[in-house]
N, C-alpha and C. Protein backbone atom coordinates (compact mmCIF):
# COMPACT_ATOMS: atom_id res chain seq x y z
N MET A 1 4.67 -5.52 25.48
CA MET A 1 4.82 -6.90 24.96
C MET A 1 6.24 -7.16 24.81
N THR A 2 6.71 -8.42 25.19
CA THR A 2 8.17 -8.86 25.39
C THR A 2 8.80 -8.95 23.96
N PRO A 3 9.74 -8.38 23.76
CA PRO A 3 10.54 -8.56 22.28
C PRO A 3 10.47 -10.07 21.94
N PRO A 4 10.75 -10.54 20.90
CA PRO A 4 10.77 -11.82 20.17
C PRO A 4 12.28 -12.29 20.93
N ASP A 5 12.85 -13.30 21.01
CA ASP A 5 14.23 -13.58 21.64
C ASP A 5 15.05 -13.92 20.32
N SER A 6 16.36 -13.77 20.39
CA SER A 6 17.37 -13.95 19.35
C SER A 6 16.93 -15.02 18.60
N LYS A 7 16.48 -16.24 19.05
CA LYS A 7 16.35 -17.25 17.99
C LYS A 7 15.42 -17.01 17.16
N PHE A 8 14.43 -16.19 17.44
CA PHE A 8 13.28 -16.05 16.57
C PHE A 8 13.64 -15.29 15.60
N PHE A 9 14.45 -14.17 15.70
CA PHE A 9 14.87 -13.40 14.62
C PHE A 9 15.84 -14.15 13.76
N THR A 10 16.86 -14.91 14.42
CA THR A 10 17.75 -15.57 13.55
C THR A 10 16.91 -16.64 12.57
N LYS A 11 15.91 -17.07 13.01
CA LYS A 11 15.13 -18.04 12.08
C LYS A 11 14.33 -17.34 11.18
N THR A 12 13.65 -16.42 11.39
CA THR A 12 12.72 -15.65 10.62
C THR A 12 13.60 -14.69 9.56
N MET A 13 14.61 -14.22 9.84
CA MET A 13 15.54 -13.40 8.95
C MET A 13 16.12 -14.11 7.95
N SER A 14 16.50 -15.41 8.25
CA SER A 14 17.01 -16.23 7.14
C SER A 14 16.15 -16.65 6.05
N LEU A 15 14.75 -16.42 6.34
CA LEU A 15 13.61 -16.70 5.38
C LEU A 15 13.47 -17.97 4.78
N PRO A 16 14.36 -18.79 4.24
CA PRO A 16 14.09 -19.80 3.43
C PRO A 16 12.66 -20.58 3.15
N LEU A 17 12.73 -21.37 4.27
CA LEU A 17 11.31 -22.01 4.40
C LEU A 17 10.67 -21.86 5.74
N THR A 18 10.67 -20.50 5.99
CA THR A 18 10.18 -20.20 7.66
C THR A 18 9.00 -19.84 7.21
N TYR A 19 7.72 -20.50 8.15
CA TYR A 19 6.34 -20.35 8.05
C TYR A 19 6.00 -19.72 9.43
N LEU A 20 5.40 -18.60 9.39
CA LEU A 20 5.03 -17.90 10.71
C LEU A 20 3.55 -17.83 10.80
N THR A 21 2.95 -17.88 11.93
CA THR A 21 1.51 -17.36 12.00
C THR A 21 1.26 -16.03 11.91
N ILE A 22 0.25 -15.64 11.88
CA ILE A 22 -0.02 -14.08 11.87
C ILE A 22 0.55 -13.60 13.10
N ASP A 23 0.35 -13.99 14.15
CA ASP A 23 0.75 -13.62 15.44
C ASP A 23 2.32 -13.30 15.54
N GLU A 24 3.02 -14.27 15.01
CA GLU A 24 4.26 -14.26 15.06
C GLU A 24 4.84 -13.23 14.13
N TYR A 25 4.16 -13.22 13.12
CA TYR A 25 4.49 -12.18 11.85
C TYR A 25 4.22 -10.87 12.60
N LEU A 26 3.10 -10.47 13.28
CA LEU A 26 2.86 -9.16 13.60
C LEU A 26 3.84 -8.60 14.83
N GLN A 27 4.12 -9.83 15.85
CA GLN A 27 5.23 -9.65 16.64
C GLN A 27 6.61 -9.32 16.07
N LEU A 28 6.94 -10.01 14.83
CA LEU A 28 8.17 -9.58 14.39
C LEU A 28 8.33 -8.28 13.87
N GLU A 29 7.27 -7.74 13.30
CA GLU A 29 7.24 -6.51 12.62
C GLU A 29 7.53 -5.24 13.75
N GLN A 30 7.03 -5.50 14.65
CA GLN A 30 7.00 -4.57 15.93
C GLN A 30 8.80 -4.21 16.28
N TYR A 31 9.59 -5.22 15.95
CA TYR A 31 10.76 -5.15 16.49
C TYR A 31 11.84 -5.22 15.42
N SER A 32 11.45 -5.57 14.28
CA SER A 32 12.59 -5.88 13.22
C SER A 32 12.89 -4.35 12.56
N GLU A 33 14.02 -4.03 12.31
CA GLU A 33 14.32 -2.82 11.56
C GLU A 33 14.13 -3.07 10.12
N VAL A 34 13.88 -4.09 9.54
CA VAL A 34 13.53 -4.25 7.99
C VAL A 34 11.88 -4.69 8.00
N ARG A 35 11.17 -4.10 7.03
CA ARG A 35 10.00 -4.17 6.99
C ARG A 35 9.69 -5.58 6.08
N HIS A 36 8.73 -6.48 6.33
CA HIS A 36 8.41 -7.65 5.42
C HIS A 36 6.85 -7.81 5.15
N GLU A 37 6.65 -8.08 4.10
CA GLU A 37 5.15 -8.40 3.46
C GLU A 37 5.12 -9.86 3.86
N TYR A 38 3.82 -10.56 4.09
CA TYR A 38 3.49 -11.57 4.48
C TYR A 38 2.63 -12.26 3.60
N LEU A 39 2.92 -13.63 2.96
CA LEU A 39 2.06 -13.93 2.16
C LEU A 39 1.87 -15.54 2.56
N GLY A 40 0.63 -15.91 2.86
CA GLY A 40 0.29 -17.19 3.46
C GLY A 40 1.24 -17.99 4.35
N GLY A 41 1.91 -17.13 5.30
CA GLY A 41 2.89 -17.77 6.17
C GLY A 41 4.35 -17.59 5.91
N GLN A 42 4.68 -16.93 4.72
CA GLN A 42 5.79 -16.69 4.59
C GLN A 42 6.21 -15.25 4.48
N ILE A 43 7.37 -14.90 4.91
CA ILE A 43 7.55 -13.41 4.71
C ILE A 43 8.65 -12.92 4.10
N PHE A 44 8.43 -11.75 3.62
CA PHE A 44 9.63 -11.18 2.28
C PHE A 44 10.04 -9.82 2.65
N ALA A 45 11.44 -9.67 2.68
CA ALA A 45 11.77 -8.38 3.25
C ALA A 45 11.93 -7.30 2.05
N MET A 46 11.43 -6.25 2.32
CA MET A 46 11.08 -5.13 1.43
C MET A 46 12.20 -4.35 1.23
N SER A 47 12.64 -4.01 0.20
CA SER A 47 13.87 -3.15 -0.16
C SER A 47 13.59 -1.64 -0.05
N GLY A 48 14.50 -0.75 0.05
CA GLY A 48 14.25 0.53 0.19
C GLY A 48 13.82 1.41 -0.76
N GLY A 49 13.36 2.63 -1.16
CA GLY A 49 13.00 3.29 -2.10
C GLY A 49 13.92 4.43 -2.71
N SER A 50 13.79 4.65 -3.69
CA SER A 50 14.74 5.95 -4.04
C SER A 50 14.33 7.22 -3.33
N LYS A 51 15.11 8.14 -3.76
CA LYS A 51 14.54 9.80 -3.22
C LYS A 51 13.26 9.93 -4.19
N GLU A 52 13.27 9.82 -5.27
CA GLU A 52 12.12 10.03 -6.07
C GLU A 52 10.78 9.41 -5.86
N HIS A 53 11.08 8.26 -5.32
CA HIS A 53 9.97 7.36 -4.72
C HIS A 53 9.35 7.86 -3.63
N ASN A 54 10.17 8.23 -2.76
CA ASN A 54 9.85 8.86 -1.36
C ASN A 54 9.17 10.18 -1.61
N LEU A 55 9.62 10.97 -2.68
CA LEU A 55 9.29 12.44 -2.82
C LEU A 55 7.70 12.23 -3.45
N ILE A 56 7.61 11.60 -4.48
CA ILE A 56 6.22 11.25 -4.90
C ILE A 56 5.18 10.80 -3.87
N ALA A 57 5.65 9.77 -3.29
CA ALA A 57 4.59 9.34 -2.07
C ALA A 57 4.48 10.51 -1.17
N GLY A 58 5.51 11.21 -0.83
CA GLY A 58 5.25 12.30 0.18
C GLY A 58 4.41 13.29 -0.34
N ASN A 59 4.43 13.71 -1.58
CA ASN A 59 3.76 14.67 -2.12
C ASN A 59 2.08 14.20 -2.25
N ILE A 60 1.86 13.01 -2.51
CA ILE A 60 0.39 12.54 -2.52
C ILE A 60 -0.07 12.45 -0.97
N TYR A 61 0.73 11.93 -0.31
CA TYR A 61 0.26 11.82 1.07
C TYR A 61 -0.07 13.15 1.75
N SER A 62 1.01 14.27 1.71
CA SER A 62 0.69 15.67 2.17
C SER A 62 -0.84 16.12 1.62
N ARG A 63 -1.00 16.02 0.40
CA ARG A 63 -2.26 16.52 -0.24
C ARG A 63 -3.31 15.82 0.43
N LEU A 64 -3.36 14.46 0.60
CA LEU A 64 -4.60 13.76 1.01
C LEU A 64 -4.53 14.04 2.55
N ARG A 65 -3.44 14.20 2.95
CA ARG A 65 -3.49 14.62 4.48
C ARG A 65 -4.43 16.08 4.84
N SER A 66 -4.03 17.01 4.05
CA SER A 66 -4.50 18.22 4.20
C SER A 66 -5.98 18.11 3.92
N HIS A 67 -6.30 17.38 2.73
CA HIS A 67 -7.71 17.33 2.30
C HIS A 67 -8.58 16.55 3.31
N LEU A 68 -7.82 15.62 4.06
CA LEU A 68 -8.97 14.64 4.83
C LEU A 68 -8.81 15.21 6.21
N ARG A 69 -8.22 16.26 6.69
CA ARG A 69 -7.95 16.53 7.83
C ARG A 69 -9.30 17.00 8.56
N GLY A 70 -9.68 16.51 9.77
CA GLY A 70 -10.80 16.79 10.39
C GLY A 70 -11.95 16.12 10.16
N GLY A 71 -11.82 15.13 9.13
CA GLY A 71 -12.94 14.32 8.89
C GLY A 71 -12.81 12.95 9.12
N SER A 72 -13.61 11.69 8.85
CA SER A 72 -13.72 10.54 9.20
C SER A 72 -12.81 9.61 8.65
N CYS A 73 -11.99 10.14 7.50
CA CYS A 73 -11.19 9.34 6.89
C CYS A 73 -9.51 9.52 7.26
N SER A 74 -8.58 8.45 7.43
CA SER A 74 -7.30 8.52 7.85
C SER A 74 -6.53 8.18 6.63
N VAL A 75 -5.44 8.77 6.32
CA VAL A 75 -4.22 8.43 5.51
C VAL A 75 -2.76 8.12 6.14
N PHE A 76 -2.50 7.12 5.57
CA PHE A 76 -1.19 6.48 6.30
C PHE A 76 -0.08 6.32 5.05
N MET A 77 1.14 6.43 5.23
CA MET A 77 2.30 6.39 4.48
C MET A 77 3.42 5.29 4.73
N ALA A 78 3.51 4.45 4.05
CA ALA A 78 4.70 3.28 4.12
C ALA A 78 4.62 2.36 5.30
N ASP A 79 4.24 2.78 6.49
CA ASP A 79 4.58 1.94 7.62
C ASP A 79 3.29 1.28 8.04
N MET A 80 2.07 1.60 7.52
CA MET A 80 0.85 0.96 7.86
C MET A 80 0.48 -0.42 6.90
N LYS A 81 0.37 -1.49 7.39
CA LYS A 81 -0.06 -2.43 6.55
C LYS A 81 -1.50 -2.85 6.32
N VAL A 82 -1.75 -3.39 5.09
CA VAL A 82 -3.09 -3.81 4.75
C VAL A 82 -3.18 -5.14 4.84
N ARG A 83 -4.29 -5.92 5.62
CA ARG A 83 -4.46 -7.32 5.63
C ARG A 83 -5.59 -7.40 4.63
N ILE A 84 -5.37 -8.71 3.80
CA ILE A 84 -6.42 -9.24 2.93
C ILE A 84 -6.56 -10.69 3.49
N GLU A 85 -7.95 -10.64 4.08
CA GLU A 85 -8.06 -12.09 4.53
C GLU A 85 -8.78 -12.82 3.27
N LEU A 86 -8.26 -13.97 2.90
CA LEU A 86 -8.64 -15.07 1.93
C LEU A 86 -9.19 -16.14 2.46
N ALA A 87 -10.16 -16.87 1.61
CA ALA A 87 -10.84 -17.77 2.18
C ALA A 87 -10.20 -18.83 3.10
N ASN A 88 -8.94 -18.90 2.78
CA ASN A 88 -8.18 -20.08 3.48
C ASN A 88 -7.34 -19.36 4.57
N GLN A 89 -7.40 -19.63 5.79
CA GLN A 89 -6.79 -18.67 6.79
C GLN A 89 -5.26 -18.60 6.58
N ASN A 90 -4.52 -19.71 6.03
CA ASN A 90 -3.18 -19.63 5.55
C ASN A 90 -2.70 -18.96 4.71
N ASN A 91 -3.58 -18.30 3.76
CA ASN A 91 -3.29 -17.62 2.71
C ASN A 91 -3.70 -15.88 3.14
N ASN A 92 -3.73 -15.47 4.31
CA ASN A 92 -3.91 -14.25 4.64
C ASN A 92 -2.75 -13.63 4.33
N ILE A 93 -2.84 -12.06 3.80
CA ILE A 93 -1.63 -11.53 3.26
C ILE A 93 -1.56 -10.22 3.91
N PHE A 94 -0.32 -9.72 4.08
CA PHE A 94 -0.18 -8.21 4.76
C PHE A 94 0.73 -7.45 3.80
N TYR A 95 0.32 -6.58 3.20
CA TYR A 95 1.22 -5.68 2.42
C TYR A 95 1.24 -4.13 2.95
N TYR A 96 2.61 -3.61 2.64
CA TYR A 96 2.71 -2.31 3.05
C TYR A 96 2.55 -1.34 1.81
N PRO A 97 1.64 -0.57 1.58
CA PRO A 97 1.21 0.10 0.57
C PRO A 97 2.01 1.46 0.79
N ASP A 98 2.34 2.07 -0.27
CA ASP A 98 3.13 3.48 -0.17
C ASP A 98 2.23 4.65 0.32
N VAL A 99 1.13 4.40 0.00
CA VAL A 99 -0.01 5.65 0.82
C VAL A 99 -1.32 4.73 0.67
N VAL A 100 -2.20 4.92 1.84
CA VAL A 100 -3.32 4.03 1.88
C VAL A 100 -4.26 4.96 2.79
N VAL A 101 -5.63 4.95 2.38
CA VAL A 101 -6.72 5.55 3.11
C VAL A 101 -7.58 4.45 3.49
N SER A 102 -8.25 4.94 4.78
CA SER A 102 -9.48 4.25 5.10
C SER A 102 -10.36 5.06 5.79
N CYS A 103 -11.76 4.99 5.28
CA CYS A 103 -12.72 5.83 5.97
C CYS A 103 -13.77 4.92 6.78
N ASN A 104 -13.30 3.71 7.23
CA ASN A 104 -14.20 3.01 7.92
C ASN A 104 -13.87 2.87 9.45
N SER A 105 -15.07 3.15 10.08
CA SER A 105 -14.57 3.37 11.51
C SER A 105 -14.40 1.83 12.17
N GLN A 106 -14.50 0.69 11.20
CA GLN A 106 -14.02 -0.49 12.13
C GLN A 106 -12.60 -0.69 12.06
N ASP A 107 -12.08 0.04 11.29
CA ASP A 107 -10.39 -0.09 11.21
C ASP A 107 -9.85 0.48 12.55
N GLN A 108 -9.68 -0.37 13.62
CA GLN A 108 -9.17 0.07 14.86
C GLN A 108 -7.80 -0.41 15.26
N ASP A 109 -7.36 -1.49 14.59
CA ASP A 109 -6.13 -2.05 14.80
C ASP A 109 -5.13 -1.04 14.83
N ARG A 110 -4.05 -1.04 15.42
CA ARG A 110 -3.02 -0.03 15.34
C ARG A 110 -2.17 -0.45 14.38
N TYR A 111 -1.80 -1.77 13.89
CA TYR A 111 -1.03 -1.94 13.03
C TYR A 111 -1.26 -2.18 11.54
N PHE A 112 -2.41 -2.50 11.38
CA PHE A 112 -2.92 -2.96 9.79
C PHE A 112 -4.30 -2.45 9.62
N LEU A 113 -4.66 -2.30 8.40
CA LEU A 113 -6.01 -1.87 7.96
C LEU A 113 -6.80 -2.90 7.41
N ASN A 114 -8.08 -3.26 7.50
CA ASN A 114 -8.68 -4.33 6.93
C ASN A 114 -9.77 -3.60 5.88
N TYR A 115 -9.79 -2.37 6.09
CA TYR A 115 -11.10 -1.73 5.04
C TYR A 115 -10.61 -0.40 4.42
N PRO A 116 -9.46 -0.58 3.69
CA PRO A 116 -9.02 0.53 2.90
C PRO A 116 -10.16 0.82 1.75
N CYS A 117 -10.18 1.92 1.14
CA CYS A 117 -10.84 2.50 0.26
C CYS A 117 -9.82 2.83 -1.00
N LEU A 118 -8.80 3.29 -0.56
CA LEU A 118 -7.86 3.91 -1.69
C LEU A 118 -6.41 3.35 -1.20
N ILE A 119 -5.75 2.79 -2.33
CA ILE A 119 -4.40 2.30 -2.14
C ILE A 119 -3.59 2.97 -3.36
N ILE A 120 -2.47 3.50 -3.05
CA ILE A 120 -1.45 3.95 -4.02
C ILE A 120 -0.08 3.29 -3.90
N GLU A 121 0.36 2.92 -4.95
CA GLU A 121 1.90 2.30 -4.96
C GLU A 121 2.65 3.14 -5.88
N VAL A 122 3.84 3.70 -5.65
CA VAL A 122 4.78 4.51 -6.37
C VAL A 122 5.52 3.13 -7.11
N LEU A 123 5.72 3.17 -8.46
CA LEU A 123 6.25 1.98 -9.22
C LEU A 123 7.68 2.19 -9.12
N SER A 124 8.60 1.13 -8.73
CA SER A 124 10.16 1.05 -8.90
C SER A 124 10.68 -0.30 -9.61
N PRO A 125 11.97 -0.24 -10.09
CA PRO A 125 12.32 -1.45 -10.77
C PRO A 125 12.12 -2.61 -10.21
N SER A 126 12.11 -2.84 -8.95
CA SER A 126 12.03 -4.09 -8.08
C SER A 126 10.73 -4.38 -7.50
N THR A 127 9.89 -3.39 -7.84
CA THR A 127 8.46 -3.90 -7.49
C THR A 127 7.36 -3.67 -8.59
N GLU A 128 7.74 -3.21 -9.70
CA GLU A 128 6.60 -2.87 -10.80
C GLU A 128 5.89 -4.07 -11.14
N VAL A 129 6.62 -5.15 -11.39
CA VAL A 129 5.96 -6.39 -11.98
C VAL A 129 4.92 -6.85 -10.78
N THR A 130 5.44 -6.93 -9.42
CA THR A 130 4.58 -7.39 -8.39
C THR A 130 3.12 -6.51 -8.18
N ASP A 131 3.64 -5.12 -8.20
CA ASP A 131 2.57 -4.04 -8.04
C ASP A 131 1.61 -4.32 -9.17
N LYS A 132 1.92 -4.50 -10.21
CA LYS A 132 0.86 -4.62 -11.57
C LYS A 132 0.49 -5.89 -11.46
N ARG A 133 0.79 -7.07 -11.07
CA ARG A 133 0.24 -8.29 -11.15
C ARG A 133 -0.41 -8.89 -9.97
N GLU A 134 0.64 -9.60 -9.23
CA GLU A 134 0.15 -10.06 -7.72
C GLU A 134 -0.62 -9.11 -6.75
N LYS A 135 -0.27 -7.75 -6.63
CA LYS A 135 -0.81 -7.06 -5.67
C LYS A 135 -2.03 -6.56 -6.39
N LEU A 136 -2.15 -6.33 -7.59
CA LEU A 136 -3.39 -5.91 -8.39
C LEU A 136 -4.46 -6.87 -8.10
N VAL A 137 -4.26 -8.12 -8.45
CA VAL A 137 -5.10 -9.14 -8.21
C VAL A 137 -5.60 -9.58 -6.47
N ASN A 138 -4.68 -9.35 -5.79
CA ASN A 138 -4.88 -9.61 -4.33
C ASN A 138 -5.59 -8.46 -3.71
N TYR A 139 -5.39 -7.30 -4.14
CA TYR A 139 -5.96 -6.08 -3.44
C TYR A 139 -7.60 -5.86 -4.07
N GLN A 140 -7.68 -6.48 -5.39
CA GLN A 140 -9.09 -6.43 -5.63
C GLN A 140 -10.11 -7.37 -4.90
N GLU A 141 -9.30 -8.28 -4.01
CA GLU A 141 -10.22 -9.23 -3.19
C GLU A 141 -10.78 -8.29 -1.99
N LEU A 142 -10.35 -7.15 -1.88
CA LEU A 142 -10.82 -6.18 -1.02
C LEU A 142 -12.03 -5.66 -1.09
N GLU A 143 -13.27 -6.07 -0.37
CA GLU A 143 -14.65 -5.49 -0.66
C GLU A 143 -14.58 -4.09 -0.70
N SER A 144 -13.92 -3.42 0.11
CA SER A 144 -13.96 -1.88 0.81
C SER A 144 -13.25 -1.10 -0.25
N LEU A 145 -12.23 -1.73 -1.20
CA LEU A 145 -11.37 -0.77 -2.03
C LEU A 145 -12.22 -0.42 -3.21
N ARG A 146 -12.03 0.92 -3.24
CA ARG A 146 -12.64 1.58 -4.56
C ARG A 146 -11.69 1.95 -5.80
N GLU A 147 -10.35 2.37 -5.12
CA GLU A 147 -9.53 2.60 -6.13
C GLU A 147 -7.91 2.02 -5.56
N TYR A 148 -7.27 1.69 -6.93
CA TYR A 148 -5.91 0.93 -6.67
C TYR A 148 -4.96 2.10 -7.98
N VAL A 149 -4.01 2.86 -7.41
CA VAL A 149 -3.47 3.76 -8.25
C VAL A 149 -1.97 3.49 -8.15
N LEU A 150 -1.50 3.24 -9.30
CA LEU A 150 0.07 3.00 -9.65
C LEU A 150 0.66 4.20 -10.18
N VAL A 151 1.78 4.77 -9.67
CA VAL A 151 2.33 6.09 -10.15
C VAL A 151 3.90 5.60 -10.56
N SER A 152 4.20 6.15 -11.82
CA SER A 152 5.54 5.75 -12.44
C SER A 152 6.39 6.99 -11.76
N GLN A 153 7.70 6.38 -11.29
CA GLN A 153 8.50 7.54 -10.68
C GLN A 153 9.58 7.96 -11.96
N ASP A 154 9.39 7.32 -13.07
CA ASP A 154 10.67 7.66 -14.03
C ASP A 154 10.00 8.44 -15.08
N ASP A 155 8.48 8.35 -15.38
CA ASP A 155 7.82 9.02 -16.56
C ASP A 155 6.58 9.49 -15.81
N ILE A 156 5.95 10.58 -16.56
CA ILE A 156 4.72 11.12 -15.87
C ILE A 156 3.59 10.45 -16.45
N LYS A 157 3.18 9.27 -15.48
CA LYS A 157 2.12 8.58 -16.06
C LYS A 157 1.51 7.70 -14.82
N VAL A 158 0.28 7.79 -14.83
CA VAL A 158 -0.50 7.38 -13.68
C VAL A 158 -1.60 6.34 -13.96
N GLU A 159 -1.36 5.08 -13.61
CA GLU A 159 -2.64 3.88 -13.77
C GLU A 159 -3.78 3.95 -12.62
N VAL A 160 -4.83 4.14 -13.14
CA VAL A 160 -5.82 4.07 -11.94
C VAL A 160 -6.80 2.95 -12.06
N TYR A 161 -6.89 1.94 -11.40
CA TYR A 161 -7.86 0.72 -11.45
C TYR A 161 -9.04 1.26 -10.22
N ARG A 162 -10.41 1.36 -10.98
CA ARG A 162 -11.26 1.99 -10.13
C ARG A 162 -12.72 1.15 -10.25
N LYS A 163 -13.03 0.66 -9.38
CA LYS A 163 -14.32 -0.29 -9.24
C LYS A 163 -15.65 0.46 -9.41
N ASP A 164 -16.37 0.01 -10.66
CA ASP A 164 -17.66 0.67 -10.73
C ASP A 164 -18.92 0.12 -9.77
N SER A 165 -20.08 0.65 -9.99
CA SER A 165 -20.99 0.38 -9.10
C SER A 165 -21.40 -1.30 -9.46
N GLN A 166 -20.97 -1.96 -10.43
CA GLN A 166 -21.11 -3.42 -10.81
C GLN A 166 -19.90 -4.14 -10.04
N GLY A 167 -19.21 -3.54 -9.63
CA GLY A 167 -18.20 -4.39 -9.21
C GLY A 167 -16.95 -4.74 -10.02
N HIS A 168 -17.18 -4.27 -11.29
CA HIS A 168 -16.04 -4.32 -12.27
C HIS A 168 -14.98 -3.51 -11.93
N TRP A 169 -13.83 -3.78 -12.48
CA TRP A 169 -12.51 -3.10 -12.40
C TRP A 169 -12.14 -2.40 -13.83
N LEU A 170 -12.15 -1.18 -13.82
CA LEU A 170 -11.70 -0.41 -14.94
C LEU A 170 -10.50 0.44 -14.94
N LEU A 171 -9.69 0.46 -15.85
CA LEU A 171 -8.37 0.92 -16.03
C LEU A 171 -8.18 2.41 -16.78
N GLU A 172 -7.85 3.32 -16.15
CA GLU A 172 -7.63 4.37 -16.79
C GLU A 172 -6.18 4.83 -16.76
N ILE A 173 -5.51 5.42 -17.72
CA ILE A 173 -4.26 5.74 -17.95
C ILE A 173 -4.11 7.28 -17.92
N LEU A 174 -3.42 7.84 -17.16
CA LEU A 174 -3.26 9.05 -17.27
C LEU A 174 -1.81 9.68 -17.66
N GLY A 175 -1.70 11.08 -18.35
CA GLY A 175 -0.46 11.49 -18.63
C GLY A 175 -0.34 13.04 -18.09
N LYS A 176 0.73 13.64 -18.89
CA LYS A 176 1.05 14.82 -18.39
C LYS A 176 -0.18 15.72 -18.50
N GLU A 177 -1.04 15.73 -19.20
CA GLU A 177 -2.17 16.91 -19.34
C GLU A 177 -3.38 16.54 -18.41
N ASN A 178 -3.31 15.21 -18.00
CA ASN A 178 -4.46 14.97 -16.93
C ASN A 178 -4.31 15.21 -15.76
N GLU A 179 -5.48 15.14 -14.88
CA GLU A 179 -5.63 15.13 -13.52
C GLU A 179 -6.02 13.86 -12.98
N LEU A 180 -5.69 13.51 -11.68
CA LEU A 180 -5.89 12.32 -11.03
C LEU A 180 -7.34 12.56 -10.25
N SER A 181 -8.06 11.95 -10.55
CA SER A 181 -9.33 12.29 -9.70
C SER A 181 -9.56 11.03 -8.85
N LEU A 182 -9.32 11.26 -7.46
CA LEU A 182 -9.64 10.43 -6.58
C LEU A 182 -11.18 10.42 -6.05
N ASP A 183 -11.77 9.40 -6.65
CA ASP A 183 -13.37 9.52 -6.47
C ASP A 183 -13.61 9.25 -4.94
N SER A 184 -12.98 8.11 -4.38
CA SER A 184 -13.18 7.53 -3.13
C SER A 184 -12.86 8.59 -1.94
N VAL A 185 -12.38 9.58 -2.41
CA VAL A 185 -12.03 10.63 -1.18
C VAL A 185 -12.25 12.00 -1.89
N GLY A 186 -12.73 12.31 -2.95
CA GLY A 186 -13.29 13.45 -3.45
C GLY A 186 -12.18 14.40 -3.59
N LEU A 187 -10.88 13.84 -4.19
CA LEU A 187 -10.07 14.83 -4.22
C LEU A 187 -9.27 14.76 -5.81
N SER A 188 -9.05 15.78 -6.40
CA SER A 188 -8.10 15.67 -7.67
C SER A 188 -6.84 16.44 -7.42
N LEU A 189 -5.81 15.93 -8.08
CA LEU A 189 -4.57 16.00 -8.16
C LEU A 189 -4.12 16.09 -9.52
N THR A 190 -3.28 17.27 -9.70
CA THR A 190 -2.55 17.66 -11.06
C THR A 190 -1.37 16.74 -10.96
N MET A 191 -0.67 16.64 -12.19
CA MET A 191 0.47 15.86 -12.31
C MET A 191 1.54 16.64 -11.64
N ALA A 192 1.53 18.02 -11.75
CA ALA A 192 2.59 18.78 -10.85
C ALA A 192 2.10 18.67 -9.52
N ASP A 193 1.17 18.38 -8.95
CA ASP A 193 1.15 18.33 -7.68
C ASP A 193 1.86 16.78 -7.31
N ILE A 194 1.53 15.82 -7.93
CA ILE A 194 2.22 14.70 -7.99
C ILE A 194 3.78 14.42 -7.93
N TYR A 195 4.14 15.02 -8.93
CA TYR A 195 5.56 15.05 -9.42
C TYR A 195 6.47 16.29 -8.91
N GLU A 196 5.96 17.02 -8.01
CA GLU A 196 6.48 18.22 -7.55
C GLU A 196 7.99 17.67 -7.10
N ASP A 197 9.20 18.60 -7.38
CA ASP A 197 10.38 18.37 -7.08
C ASP A 197 10.84 17.11 -7.70
N VAL A 198 10.23 16.41 -8.71
CA VAL A 198 10.78 15.12 -9.25
C VAL A 198 11.06 15.31 -10.69
N LEU A 199 9.92 15.68 -11.31
CA LEU A 199 9.98 15.73 -12.83
C LEU A 199 9.28 16.99 -13.18
N SER A 200 9.83 17.59 -14.04
CA SER A 200 8.99 19.07 -14.82
C SER A 200 7.81 18.63 -15.64
N ILE A 201 6.79 19.43 -15.43
CA ILE A 201 5.63 19.44 -16.03
C ILE A 201 5.42 20.25 -17.27
């Protein structure tokens, strides 16, 4: 694929009222040094995470990777997008979760997933409100999604939104003495697993 020309980057990186098609956005992301999330034609640059943020995401990813190795599920960290197709084509959304799992054989695209069953976000001051409100609502539009997990990086606290057999989303809040049961992939994690090298349990 031919890289976008400099005019394309100048226009899109300035952001104000730039609207991109999905194809333009996906092309931009292949060559941009900064990751962007896409909401209905607009793109938003993502800020970098802290050391603690990366350690927590890495701890979870490594345990999921080990658990899922050799099976039909795949786990990705940080650079894999999730696509949410809303009723209006102009309202398609692309997010970059911290950790995401898909067990659906239809997920064949190289750059994004359509059918994740598990999404995990590590909360940070710059993303917490978005993760708990906007992304919570939008991720719940994904029929394939079974669990949405929010992990605090400053305290030992995990919030799990889990979809029941009736399609209702239930919230479970976990603390120091609890284990995180990821029913979507059949794995349980202790808080020590999650917060290794970050917080003392």
